[in-house]
C-alpha atoms as a PDB file:
ATOM      1  CA  UNK A   1      58.598-133.563  25.017  1.00  0.00           C
ATOM      2  CA  UNK A   2      59.000-131.653  28.181  1.00  0.00           C
ATOM      3  CA  UNK A   3      62.537-130.474  29.185  1.00  0.00           C
ATOM      4  CA  UNK A   4      61.558-129.449  32.818  1.00  0.00           C
ATOM      5  CA  UNK A   5      63.748-130.733  35.475  1.00  0.00           C
ATOM      6  CA  UNK A   6      62.295-131.878  38.835  1.00  0.00           C
ATOM      7  CA  UNK A   7      63.233-129.759  41.787  1.00  0.00           C
ATOM      8  CA  UNK A   8      65.849-131.127  44.102  1.00  0.00           C
ATOM      9  CA  UNK A   9      64.357-133.224  46.882  1.00  0.00           C
ATOM     10  CA  UNK A  10      65.657-130.995  49.689  1.00  0.00           C
ATOM     11  CA  UNK A  11      65.928-127.359  50.533  1.00  0.00           C
ATOM     12  CA  UNK A  12      68.740-126.478  48.082  1.00  0.00           C
ATOM     13  CA  UNK A  13      66.495-124.429  45.891  1.00  0.00           C
ATOM     14  CA  UNK A  14      65.437-122.405  48.987  1.00  0.00           C
ATOM     15  CA  UNK A  15      68.926-122.047  50.283  1.00  0.00           C
ATOM     16  CA  UNK A  16      70.522-121.222  46.810  1.00  0.00           C
ATOM     17  CA  UNK A  17      67.710-119.928  44.762  1.00  0.00           C
ATOM     18  CA  UNK A  18      69.561-116.979  43.343  1.00  0.00           C
ATOM     19  CA  UNK A  19      71.595-117.156  40.091  1.00  0.00           C
ATOM     20  CA  UNK A  20      74.729-116.108  41.920  1.00  0.00           C
ATOM     21  CA  UNK A  21      77.934-118.241  41.785  1.00  0.00           C
ATOM     22  CA  UNK A  22      79.097-117.266  45.193  1.00  0.00           C
ATOM     23  CA  UNK A  23      77.445-117.079  48.582  1.00  0.00           C
ATOM     24  CA  UNK A  24      75.980-113.608  49.127  1.00  0.00           C
ATOM     25  CA  UNK A  25      77.076-111.546  52.110  1.00  0.00           C
ATOM     26  CA  UNK A  26      73.574-111.587  53.700  1.00  0.00           C
ATOM     27  CA  UNK A  27      73.589-115.483  53.381  1.00  0.00           C
ATOM     28  CA  UNK A  28      76.675-115.795  55.490  1.00  0.00           C
ATOM     29  CA  UNK A  29      76.638-116.496  59.309  1.00  0.00           C
ATOM     30  CA  UNK A  30      80.072-115.279  59.984  1.00  0.00           C
ATOM     31  CA  UNK A  31      80.644-111.551  60.407  1.00  0.00           C
ATOM     32  CA  UNK A  32      84.269-111.570  59.274  1.00  0.00           C
ATOM     33  CA  UNK A  33      83.273-113.209  55.940  1.00  0.00           C
ATOM     34  CA  UNK A  34      80.417-110.697  55.425  1.00  0.00           C
ATOM     35  CA  UNK A  35      82.998-107.845  55.806  1.00  0.00           C
ATOM     36  CA  UNK A  36      85.200-109.570  53.326  1.00  0.00           C
ATOM     37  CA  UNK A  37      82.246-110.021  50.869  1.00  0.00           C
ATOM     38  CA  UNK A  38      81.346-106.404  51.357  1.00  0.00           C
ATOM     39  CA  UNK A  39      84.404-105.155  49.437  1.00  0.00           C
ATOM     40  CA  UNK A  40      84.631-106.460  45.835  1.00  0.00           C
ATOM     41  CA  UNK A  41      88.416-106.361  45.966  1.00  0.00           C
ATOM     42  CA  UNK A  42      88.799-108.517  49.066  1.00  0.00           C
ATOM     43  CA  UNK A  43      85.987-110.762  48.039  1.00  0.00           C
ATOM     44  CA  UNK A  44      87.757-111.489  44.739  1.00  0.00           C
ATOM     45  CA  UNK A  45      90.984-112.291  46.565  1.00  0.00           C
ATOM     46  CA  UNK A  46      89.127-114.463  49.125  1.00  0.00           C
ATOM     47  CA  UNK A  47      87.349-116.358  46.419  1.00  0.00           C
ATOM     48  CA  UNK A  48      90.572-117.114  44.571  1.00  0.00           C
ATOM     49  CA  UNK A  49      92.183-118.411  47.887  1.00  0.00           C
ATOM     50  CA  UNK A  50      89.165-120.501  48.719  1.00  0.00           C
ATOM     51  CA  UNK A  51      89.131-121.899  45.229  1.00  0.00           C
ATOM     52  CA  UNK A  52      92.883-122.794  45.186  1.00  0.00           C
ATOM     53  CA  UNK A  53      92.719-124.327  48.802  1.00  0.00           C
ATOM     54  CA  UNK A  54      89.681-126.318  47.847  1.00  0.00           C
ATOM     55  CA  UNK A  55      91.434-127.553  44.668  1.00  0.00           C
ATOM     56  CA  UNK A  56      94.452-128.691  46.544  1.00  0.00           C
ATOM     57  CA  UNK A  57      92.432-130.562  49.071  1.00  0.00           C
ATOM     58  CA  UNK A  58      90.059-132.120  46.548  1.00  0.00           C
ATOM     59  CA  UNK A  59      93.025-133.132  44.330  1.00  0.00           C
ATOM     60  CA  UNK A  60      94.938-134.659  47.338  1.00  0.00           C
ATOM     61  CA  UNK A  61      91.744-136.528  48.330  1.00  0.00           C
ATOM     62  CA  UNK A  62      91.103-137.755  44.651  1.00  0.00           C
ATOM     63  CA  UNK A  63      94.608-139.214  44.603  1.00  0.00           C
ATOM     64  CA  UNK A  64      93.960-140.952  47.960  1.00  0.00           C
ATOM     65  CA  UNK A  65      90.463-142.380  46.921  1.00  0.00           C
ATOM     66  CA  UNK A  66      91.718-145.623  45.300  1.00  0.00           C
ATOM     67  CA  UNK A  67      93.940-146.365  48.364  1.00  0.00           C
ATOM     68  CA  UNK A  68      92.596-147.553  51.788  1.00  0.00           C
ATOM     69  CA  UNK A  69      92.093-144.543  53.977  1.00  0.00           C
ATOM     70  CA  UNK A  70      90.270-141.300  54.136  1.00  0.00           C
ATOM     71  CA  UNK A  71      90.280-140.293  50.417  1.00  0.00           C
ATOM     72  CA  UNK A  72      86.633-139.717  50.163  1.00  0.00           C
ATOM     73  CA  UNK A  73      86.559-137.873  53.384  1.00  0.00           C
ATOM     74  CA  UNK A  74      89.281-135.557  52.225  1.00  0.00           C
ATOM     75  CA  UNK A  75      87.371-134.955  48.933  1.00  0.00           C
ATOM     76  CA  UNK A  76      84.286-134.032  50.958  1.00  0.00           C
ATOM     77  CA  UNK A  77      86.366-131.608  53.203  1.00  0.00           C
ATOM     78  CA  UNK A  78      87.686-129.988  49.947  1.00  0.00           C
ATOM     79  CA  UNK A  79      84.270-129.648  48.490  1.00  0.00           C
ATOM     80  CA  UNK A  80      83.214-128.171  51.934  1.00  0.00           C
ATOM     81  CA  UNK A  81      85.857-125.630  51.739  1.00  0.00           C
ATOM     82  CA  UNK A  82      84.536-124.692  48.125  1.00  0.00           C
ATOM     83  CA  UNK A  83      81.009-124.635  49.568  1.00  0.00           C
ATOM     84  CA  UNK A  84      81.844-122.007  52.046  1.00  0.00           C
ATOM     85  CA  UNK A  85      82.101-119.592  49.088  1.00  0.00           C
ATOM     86  CA  UNK A  86      80.610-121.108  45.971  1.00  0.00           C
ATOM     87  CA  UNK A  87      76.853-122.050  45.682  1.00  0.00           C
ATOM     88  CA  UNK A  88      77.580-124.861  43.114  1.00  0.00           C
ATOM     89  CA  UNK A  89      79.850-126.485  45.494  1.00  0.00           C
ATOM     90  CA  UNK A  90      77.356-126.214  48.367  1.00  0.00           C
ATOM     91  CA  UNK A  91      74.670-127.902  45.920  1.00  0.00           C
ATOM     92  CA  UNK A  92      77.358-130.581  45.151  1.00  0.00           C
ATOM     93  CA  UNK A  93      78.085-131.229  48.796  1.00  0.00           C
ATOM     94  CA  UNK A  94      74.363-131.470  49.483  1.00  0.00           C
ATOM     95  CA  UNK A  95      74.117-133.976  46.663  1.00  0.00           C
ATOM     96  CA  UNK A  96      76.971-135.928  48.068  1.00  0.00           C
ATOM     97  CA  UNK A  97      75.536-136.135  51.555  1.00  0.00           C
ATOM     98  CA  UNK A  98      72.187-137.330  50.230  1.00  0.00           C
ATOM     99  CA  UNK A  99      73.947-140.145  48.090  1.00  0.00           C
ATOM    100  CA  UNK A 100      75.895-141.237  50.997  1.00  0.00           C
ATOM    101  CA  UNK A 101      72.989-141.352  53.320  1.00  0.00           C
ATOM    102  CA  UNK A 102      71.078-143.357  50.650  1.00  0.00           C
ATOM    103  CA  UNK A 103      73.911-145.851  50.267  1.00  0.00           C
ATOM    104  CA  UNK A 104      74.115-146.320  53.927  1.00  0.00           C
ATOM    105  CA  UNK A 105      70.440-146.717  54.334  1.00  0.00           C
ATOM    106  CA  UNK A 106      70.287-149.189  51.437  1.00  0.00           C
ATOM    107  CA  UNK A 107      73.135-151.340  52.820  1.00  0.00           C
ATOM    108  CA  UNK A 108      71.627-151.433  56.380  1.00  0.00           C
ATOM    109  CA  UNK A 109      68.414-152.932  55.184  1.00  0.00           C
ATOM    110  CA  UNK A 110      70.196-155.634  53.115  1.00  0.00           C
ATOM    111  CA  UNK A 111      70.480-159.097  54.423  1.00  0.00           C
ATOM    112  CA  UNK A 112      73.776-159.963  56.210  1.00  0.00           C
ATOM    113  CA  UNK A 113      74.954-162.031  53.132  1.00  0.00           C
ATOM    114  CA  UNK A 114      74.633-158.931  50.893  1.00  0.00           C
ATOM    115  CA  UNK A 115      76.533-156.797  53.447  1.00  0.00           C
ATOM    116  CA  UNK A 116      79.290-159.534  53.522  1.00  0.00           C
ATOM    117  CA  UNK A 117      79.441-159.395  49.730  1.00  0.00           C
ATOM    118  CA  UNK A 118      79.910-155.732  49.643  1.00  0.00           C
ATOM    119  CA  UNK A 119      82.515-156.142  52.460  1.00  0.00           C
ATOM    120  CA  UNK A 120      84.354-158.816  50.481  1.00  0.00           C
ATOM    121  CA  UNK A 121      84.259-156.801  47.238  1.00  0.00           C
ATOM    122  CA  UNK A 122      85.734-153.899  49.126  1.00  0.00           C
ATOM    123  CA  UNK A 123      88.460-155.986  50.571  1.00  0.00           C
ATOM    124  CA  UNK A 124      89.194-157.498  47.190  1.00  0.00           C
ATOM    125  CA  UNK A 125      89.475-154.036  45.609  1.00  0.00           C
ATOM    126  CA  UNK A 126      91.821-152.890  48.507  1.00  0.00           C
ATOM    127  CA  UNK A 127      93.917-156.124  47.915  1.00  0.00           C
ATOM    128  CA  UNK A 128      94.192-155.466  44.167  1.00  0.00           C
ATOM    129  CA  UNK A 129      95.122-151.745  44.734  1.00  0.00           C
ATOM    130  CA  UNK A 130      97.877-152.942  47.127  1.00  0.00           C
ATOM    131  CA  UNK A 131      99.079-155.585  44.766  1.00  0.00           C
ATOM    132  CA  UNK A 132      99.284-153.128  41.816  1.00  0.00           C
ATOM    133  CA  UNK A 133     101.083-150.542  44.173  1.00  0.00           C
ATOM    134  CA  UNK A 134     103.554-153.177  45.279  1.00  0.00           C
ATOM    135  CA  UNK A 135     104.089-154.415  41.790  1.00  0.00           C
ATOM    136  CA  UNK A 136     104.971-150.945  40.659  1.00  0.00           C
ATOM    137  CA  UNK A 137     107.032-149.746  43.625  1.00  0.00           C
ATOM    138  CA  UNK A 138     108.149-153.071  45.231  1.00  0.00           C
ATOM    139  CA  UNK A 139     107.280-154.547  48.629  1.00  0.00           C
ATOM    140  CA  UNK A 140     108.243-151.817  51.276  1.00  0.00           C
ATOM    141  CA  UNK A 141     111.101-152.713  53.532  1.00  0.00           C
ATOM    142  CA  UNK A 142     109.455-151.238  56.475  1.00  0.00           C
ATOM    143  CA  UNK A 143     107.031-153.933  57.011  1.00  0.00           C
ATOM    144  CA  UNK A 144     107.596-156.717  59.611  1.00  0.00           C
ATOM    145  CA  UNK A 145     109.594-159.591  58.179  1.00  0.00           C
ATOM    146  CA  UNK A 146     106.843-162.093  58.312  1.00  0.00           C
ATOM    147  CA  UNK A 147     104.609-159.899  56.213  1.00  0.00           C
ATOM    148  CA  UNK A 148     107.385-159.021  53.772  1.00  0.00           C
ATOM    149  CA  UNK A 149     108.216-162.741  53.191  1.00  0.00           C
ATOM    150  CA  UNK A 150     104.546-163.582  52.660  1.00  0.00           C
ATOM    151  CA  UNK A 151     104.191-160.677  50.154  1.00  0.00           C
ATOM    152  CA  UNK A 152     107.232-161.842  48.263  1.00  0.00           C
ATOM    153  CA  UNK A 153     105.302-165.165  47.822  1.00  0.00           C
ATOM    154  CA  UNK A 154     102.507-163.370  45.981  1.00  0.00           C
ATOM    155  CA  UNK A 155     102.673-163.918  42.213  1.00  0.00           C
ATOM    156  CA  UNK A 156     104.206-160.868  40.489  1.00  0.00           C
ATOM    157  CA  UNK A 157     105.789-159.478  43.501  1.00  0.00           C
END
């Protein structure tokens, strides 16, 4: 049985073919980062700062993912921050971009009824998330009166 893995379908192997964890100075387009990477001490500090900043942004996005809004966008931004310094994150970002493009391409060629089903499932998931949120925290008082009264009529709220 062969344990060979197929090469990635894009240019990630060409772009990140070396075994390094971080982007090399000569692979960087920005002179200020090439200078930082030229000094091992400043490079280490910069890597730590990029790692921590990326972790904060990815974590914030992960918390936002189940709620309506830009959760996945924030996660992608955090991975993009990591990808500026770490090759594994650049490969992960490339994978995410390919997956998102494939999902969009698949959805666009589906019949309208399938697109409607996906939309309805998405709306149902958002409604369930809000229902759970309001169940735990209560209906917020900042909503207009008509919306607040209707939400209080929802079972469990």
